[in-house]
Amino acid sequence: MASMRVSGLGKCAAVLVLAAAPFWVSPAAAADDPPEETININDRAAVEELVRRYILEHPEVIIESVQRFEKRKQEAERAHQRAILASLRDDIENSPTSPVTGNPEGDVTVVEFFDYRCGYCKRVLPAIQELLRTDGGVRYVFKEFPILGPDSVVAARAAVAAWKIDPEKYVAFHTDLMASRGALSEQRVLDMAQRIGFDPEQLLRAMEDPAVDAELQGNIALGGRIGVRGTPAFIIGGRLVPGAIDLEQMRRLIAAARQS
């Protein structure tokens, strides 16, 4: 009948071998640990009691185990996400239907998923404007991502249609929509577009083009595949960065992308 002597960390090792009996312990290893008690490893109740006592006396082992598990899980998730981002990079950065500003030949591409009804997106707008004003090497891609209700969809459809009609006016329209407060009814959005220089009737017709809805649905699907769970969400240097990051964070991420 197999038996073992356990003490100190040897008790912890007992947890790891419950499913592995019978097993072998070298004489040298056994000699290193002074014996305290002998148990029969086939006696399930005795082993369980030993494990229970050890956990009660050393609860930090459980905490450490959970922390290590969470760390490995997060590392695996990040690696998986990086692989997905790499495989979809062309769709993310180079879609011919996504609005672009900044330097078309920039050395770093920043992609933003946003919603015109998102308060955090509105909050980060000044940082984006300052970034584009001060860094001539940034190529900036807009991904309309209307997830906050009907008004979000109306505004996004109008913005996509505006890009199709006159790309030169898109950024001004985008800025007005993002700076707005309150509801974004269709009439209000058309009035805002008219102030920018769009013909409201032409814009309304363009909004009804099935290609506009296809663009929005494509963005939603793409965001889902790469792990976008809310707005704003940025992709900088092949890395997904959720939330309303500030200007200094943007600059650090761009600098890191330039070095990679």
Protein backbone atom coordinates (compact mmCIF):
# COMPACT_ATOMS: atom_id res chain seq x y z
CA MET A 1 0.00 0.00 0.00
CA ALA A 2 1.54 3.32 -1.08
CA SER A 3 2.03 6.00 1.54
CA MET A 4 3.86 9.33 1.77
CA ARG A 5 5.28 11.66 4.36
CA VAL A 6 4.40 15.34 3.88
CA SER A 7 5.30 18.55 5.61
CA GLY A 8 5.58 22.25 4.73
CA LEU A 9 5.43 22.72 0.96
CA GLY A 10 5.10 18.97 0.61
CA LYS A 11 1.51 19.40 1.76
CA CYS A 12 0.88 21.81 -1.07
CA ALA A 13 2.30 19.27 -3.52
CA ALA A 14 -0.31 16.79 -2.34
CA VAL A 15 -2.95 18.94 -4.05
CA LEU A 16 -1.25 18.44 -7.38
CA VAL A 17 -1.04 14.66 -7.26
CA LEU A 18 -4.55 13.66 -6.24
CA ALA A 19 -5.35 12.55 -9.74
CA ALA A 20 -1.92 11.13 -10.49
CA ALA A 21 -1.56 8.28 -7.97
CA PRO A 22 0.31 6.04 -7.93
CA PHE A 23 3.40 8.26 -8.24
CA TRP A 24 7.08 8.19 -7.37
CA VAL A 25 8.98 10.39 -4.97
CA SER A 26 12.77 10.28 -5.11
CA PRO A 27 14.57 9.31 -1.91
CA ALA A 28 16.59 12.52 -2.15
CA ALA A 29 13.48 14.69 -2.31
CA ALA A 30 11.89 12.81 0.55
CA ALA A 31 14.99 13.22 2.67
CA ASP A 32 14.88 16.99 2.23
CA ASP A 33 11.55 17.30 4.05
CA PRO A 34 11.48 16.23 7.69
CA PRO A 35 8.45 14.03 8.26
CA GLU A 36 5.49 15.28 10.23
CA GLU A 37 2.83 12.75 9.48
CA THR A 38 2.13 9.81 7.24
CA ILE A 39 -1.03 9.43 5.19
CA ASN A 40 -2.32 6.85 2.81
CA ILE A 41 -2.70 8.52 -0.58
CA ASN A 42 -5.54 6.11 -1.38
CA ASP A 43 -7.48 7.43 1.61
CA ARG A 44 -9.47 10.17 -0.09
CA ALA A 45 -10.91 11.58 3.12
CA ALA A 46 -7.46 11.87 4.70
CA VAL A 47 -6.01 13.60 1.65
CA GLU A 48 -8.95 15.99 1.42
CA GLU A 49 -8.59 16.87 5.07
CA LEU A 50 -4.88 17.49 4.60
CA VAL A 51 -5.57 19.77 1.64
CA ARG A 52 -8.33 21.59 3.53
CA ARG A 53 -6.03 22.24 6.50
CA TYR A 54 -3.26 23.49 4.27
CA ILE A 55 -5.61 25.93 2.48
CA LEU A 56 -6.93 27.23 5.79
CA GLU A 57 -3.41 27.77 7.07
CA HIS A 58 -2.13 29.26 3.78
CA PRO A 59 -5.03 31.07 2.02
CA GLU A 60 -2.52 33.16 0.07
CA VAL A 61 -1.87 30.07 -2.09
CA ILE A 62 -5.41 30.27 -3.46
CA ILE A 63 -5.10 34.01 -4.11
CA GLU A 64 -1.78 33.52 -5.88
CA SER A 65 -3.22 30.69 -7.96
CA VAL A 66 -6.22 32.78 -9.06
CA GLN A 67 -3.99 35.74 -9.90
CA ARG A 68 -1.67 33.60 -11.99
CA PHE A 69 -4.63 32.02 -13.77
CA GLU A 70 -6.12 35.44 -14.57
CA LYS A 71 -2.76 36.70 -15.81
CA ARG A 72 -2.34 33.74 -18.16
CA LYS A 73 -5.92 34.13 -19.35
CA GLN A 74 -5.43 37.83 -20.10
CA GLU A 75 -2.15 37.17 -21.90
CA ALA A 76 -3.84 34.51 -24.04
CA GLU A 77 -6.72 36.87 -24.83
CA ARG A 78 -4.32 39.66 -25.82
CA ALA A 79 -2.36 37.32 -28.06
CA HIS A 80 -5.58 36.13 -29.70
CA GLN A 81 -6.74 39.70 -30.21
CA ARG A 82 -3.40 40.74 -31.74
CA ALA A 83 -3.65 37.84 -34.18
CA ILE A 84 -7.18 38.85 -35.20
CA LEU A 85 -6.17 42.49 -35.61
CA ALA A 86 -3.23 41.46 -37.77
CA SER A 87 -5.40 39.24 -39.97
CA LEU A 88 -7.98 42.03 -40.46
CA ARG A 89 -5.57 44.95 -40.69
CA ASP A 90 -6.42 45.78 -44.29
CA ASP A 91 -10.16 45.89 -43.55
CA ILE A 92 -9.53 48.04 -40.48
CA GLU A 93 -7.09 50.54 -41.95
CA ASN A 94 -7.64 50.55 -45.72
CA SER A 95 -11.34 50.16 -46.44
CA PRO A 96 -12.07 52.35 -49.48
CA THR A 97 -15.46 53.32 -48.02
CA SER A 98 -14.21 54.58 -44.63
CA PRO A 99 -13.60 58.33 -44.26
CA VAL A 100 -9.96 59.35 -43.84
CA THR A 101 -8.28 62.56 -42.72
CA GLY A 102 -4.83 63.67 -41.69
CA ASN A 103 -1.89 62.64 -43.86
CA PRO A 104 -2.99 60.04 -46.45
CA GLU A 105 0.64 58.84 -46.60
CA GLY A 106 1.21 59.01 -42.84
CA ASP A 107 3.56 56.58 -41.15
CA VAL A 108 1.02 55.67 -38.45
CA THR A 109 -2.68 54.97 -38.93
CA VAL A 110 -5.11 55.67 -36.10
CA VAL A 111 -8.57 54.14 -36.40
CA GLU A 112 -11.49 55.28 -34.26
CA PHE A 113 -14.80 53.48 -33.74
CA PHE A 114 -17.29 56.08 -32.49
CA ASP A 115 -20.95 56.98 -31.99
CA TYR A 116 -22.30 60.54 -32.30
CA ARG A 117 -24.42 60.06 -29.18
CA CYS A 118 -21.49 58.86 -27.09
CA GLY A 119 -20.46 61.34 -24.39
CA TYR A 120 -16.97 59.83 -24.14
CA CYS A 121 -16.47 60.22 -27.90
CA LYS A 122 -17.44 63.88 -27.59
CA ARG A 123 -15.02 64.30 -24.70
CA VAL A 124 -12.06 62.96 -26.69
CA LEU A 125 -12.73 65.11 -29.78
CA PRO A 126 -10.45 68.04 -28.74
CA ALA A 127 -7.54 65.63 -28.19
CA ILE A 128 -8.03 64.17 -31.66
CA GLN A 129 -8.15 67.63 -33.21
CA GLU A 130 -4.96 68.66 -31.42
CA LEU A 131 -3.23 65.43 -32.45
CA LEU A 132 -4.06 65.99 -36.11
CA ARG A 133 -3.02 69.63 -35.88
CA THR A 134 0.38 68.88 -34.35
CA ASP A 135 1.39 65.52 -35.86
CA GLY A 136 1.66 65.56 -39.63
CA GLY A 137 2.53 61.89 -39.78
CA VAL A 138 -0.85 60.56 -38.64
CA ARG A 139 -3.38 59.05 -41.00
CA TYR A 140 -6.79 59.01 -39.29
CA VAL A 141 -9.59 56.59 -40.21
CA PHE A 142 -13.19 57.04 -39.06
CA LYS A 143 -15.37 54.01 -38.36
CA GLU A 144 -19.00 55.01 -37.87
CA PHE A 145 -20.26 52.66 -35.14
CA PRO A 146 -23.85 53.59 -34.22
CA ILE A 147 -24.78 51.49 -31.20
CA LEU A 148 -26.68 53.93 -28.97
CA GLY A 149 -30.09 54.02 -30.57
CA PRO A 150 -32.03 55.41 -33.55
CA ASP A 151 -30.51 58.91 -33.38
CA SER A 152 -27.04 57.38 -33.60
CA VAL A 153 -28.05 55.53 -36.75
CA VAL A 154 -29.55 58.65 -38.35
CA ALA A 155 -26.40 60.67 -37.70
CA ALA A 156 -24.09 57.90 -38.88
CA ARG A 157 -26.07 57.36 -42.08
CA ALA A 158 -25.91 61.09 -42.79
CA ALA A 159 -22.16 61.18 -42.17
CA VAL A 160 -21.49 58.19 -44.44
CA ALA A 161 -23.65 59.76 -47.14
CA ALA A 162 -21.82 63.08 -46.72
CA TRP A 163 -18.48 61.33 -47.28
CA LYS A 164 -19.81 59.81 -50.49
CA ILE A 165 -21.12 63.16 -51.75
CA ASP A 166 -18.21 65.43 -50.78
CA PRO A 167 -15.28 64.02 -48.78
CA GLU A 168 -13.85 67.52 -48.35
CA LYS A 169 -16.79 68.50 -46.13
CA TYR A 170 -16.91 65.29 -44.09
CA VAL A 171 -14.63 66.37 -41.24
CA ALA A 172 -16.52 69.63 -40.69
CA PHE A 173 -19.83 67.75 -40.61
CA HIS A 174 -18.38 65.07 -38.34
CA THR A 175 -17.09 67.75 -35.97
CA ASP A 176 -20.47 69.48 -35.77
CA LEU A 177 -22.27 66.20 -35.14
CA MET A 178 -19.76 65.22 -32.46
CA ALA A 179 -19.95 68.64 -30.78
CA SER A 180 -23.77 68.61 -30.71
CA ARG A 181 -25.80 68.15 -27.55
CA GLY A 182 -29.24 66.64 -27.27
CA ALA A 183 -31.25 64.58 -29.73
CA LEU A 184 -30.16 64.10 -33.33
CA SER A 185 -33.39 63.87 -35.26
CA GLU A 186 -33.27 63.52 -39.01
CA GLN A 187 -34.38 67.14 -39.50
CA ARG A 188 -31.78 68.49 -37.12
CA VAL A 189 -29.04 66.48 -38.82
CA LEU A 190 -30.13 67.73 -42.24
CA ASP A 191 -30.14 71.31 -40.94
CA MET A 192 -26.60 70.86 -39.63
CA ALA A 193 -25.51 69.43 -42.97
CA GLN A 194 -27.03 72.39 -44.80
CA ARG A 195 -25.00 74.82 -42.69
CA ILE A 196 -21.87 72.93 -43.74
CA GLY A 197 -22.83 73.30 -47.41
CA PHE A 198 -24.69 70.09 -48.27
CA ASP A 199 -27.95 70.04 -50.16
CA PRO A 200 -30.40 68.47 -47.66
CA GLU A 201 -32.46 66.73 -50.34
CA GLN A 202 -29.36 65.29 -52.00
CA LEU A 203 -28.06 64.12 -48.64
CA LEU A 204 -31.37 62.52 -47.75
CA ARG A 205 -31.41 60.60 -51.02
CA ALA A 206 -27.84 59.48 -50.45
CA MET A 207 -28.75 58.30 -46.94
CA GLU A 208 -31.29 55.91 -48.48
CA ASP A 209 -28.64 54.22 -50.62
CA PRO A 210 -28.33 50.55 -49.49
CA ALA A 211 -24.55 51.00 -49.63
CA VAL A 212 -24.78 53.34 -46.62
CA ASP A 213 -26.45 50.72 -44.45
CA ALA A 214 -24.00 48.13 -45.75
CA GLU A 215 -21.11 50.32 -44.58
CA LEU A 216 -22.58 50.65 -41.09
CA GLN A 217 -23.41 46.96 -40.82
CA GLY A 218 -19.90 46.13 -41.97
CA ASN A 219 -18.40 48.37 -39.29
CA ILE A 220 -20.55 46.76 -36.59
CA ALA A 221 -19.53 43.29 -37.76
CA LEU A 222 -15.86 44.25 -37.93
CA GLY A 223 -15.96 45.78 -34.47
CA GLY A 224 -17.50 42.61 -33.10
CA ARG A 225 -14.77 40.46 -34.63
CA ILE A 226 -11.92 42.50 -33.18
CA GLY A 227 -13.41 42.96 -29.72
CA VAL A 228 -14.88 46.48 -29.79
CA ARG A 229 -17.36 46.50 -26.90
CA GLY A 230 -18.17 50.20 -26.75
CA THR A 231 -17.20 53.65 -27.97
CA PRO A 232 -14.82 55.21 -28.43
CA ALA A 233 -12.34 52.48 -29.33
CA PHE A 234 -9.04 53.12 -31.06
CA ILE A 235 -6.64 50.95 -32.99
CA ILE A 236 -3.10 52.31 -32.95
CA GLY A 237 -0.13 50.33 -34.13
CA GLY A 238 -2.13 47.14 -34.37
CA ARG A 239 -3.38 47.45 -30.79
CA LEU A 240 -6.99 47.87 -29.68
CA VAL A 241 -7.31 50.64 -27.09
CA PRO A 242 -10.81 51.06 -25.62
CA GLY A 243 -12.06 54.21 -23.96
CA ALA A 244 -11.60 57.98 -24.08
CA ILE A 245 -7.81 58.16 -23.98
CA ASP A 246 -6.19 61.57 -23.63
CA LEU A 247 -3.76 63.32 -25.95
CA GLU A 248 -0.62 62.17 -24.13
CA GLN A 249 -1.77 58.55 -24.26
CA MET A 250 -2.39 58.89 -27.98
CA ARG A 251 1.07 60.32 -28.50
CA ARG A 252 2.73 57.56 -26.47
CA LEU A 253 0.90 54.86 -28.44
CA ILE A 254 1.81 56.49 -31.74
CA ALA A 255 5.46 56.82 -30.69
CA ALA A 256 5.49 53.12 -29.77
CA ALA A 257 3.94 52.23 -33.13
CA ARG A 258 6.66 54.19 -34.92
CA GLN A 259 9.35 52.27 -33.07
CA SER A 260 7.87 48.84 -33.78
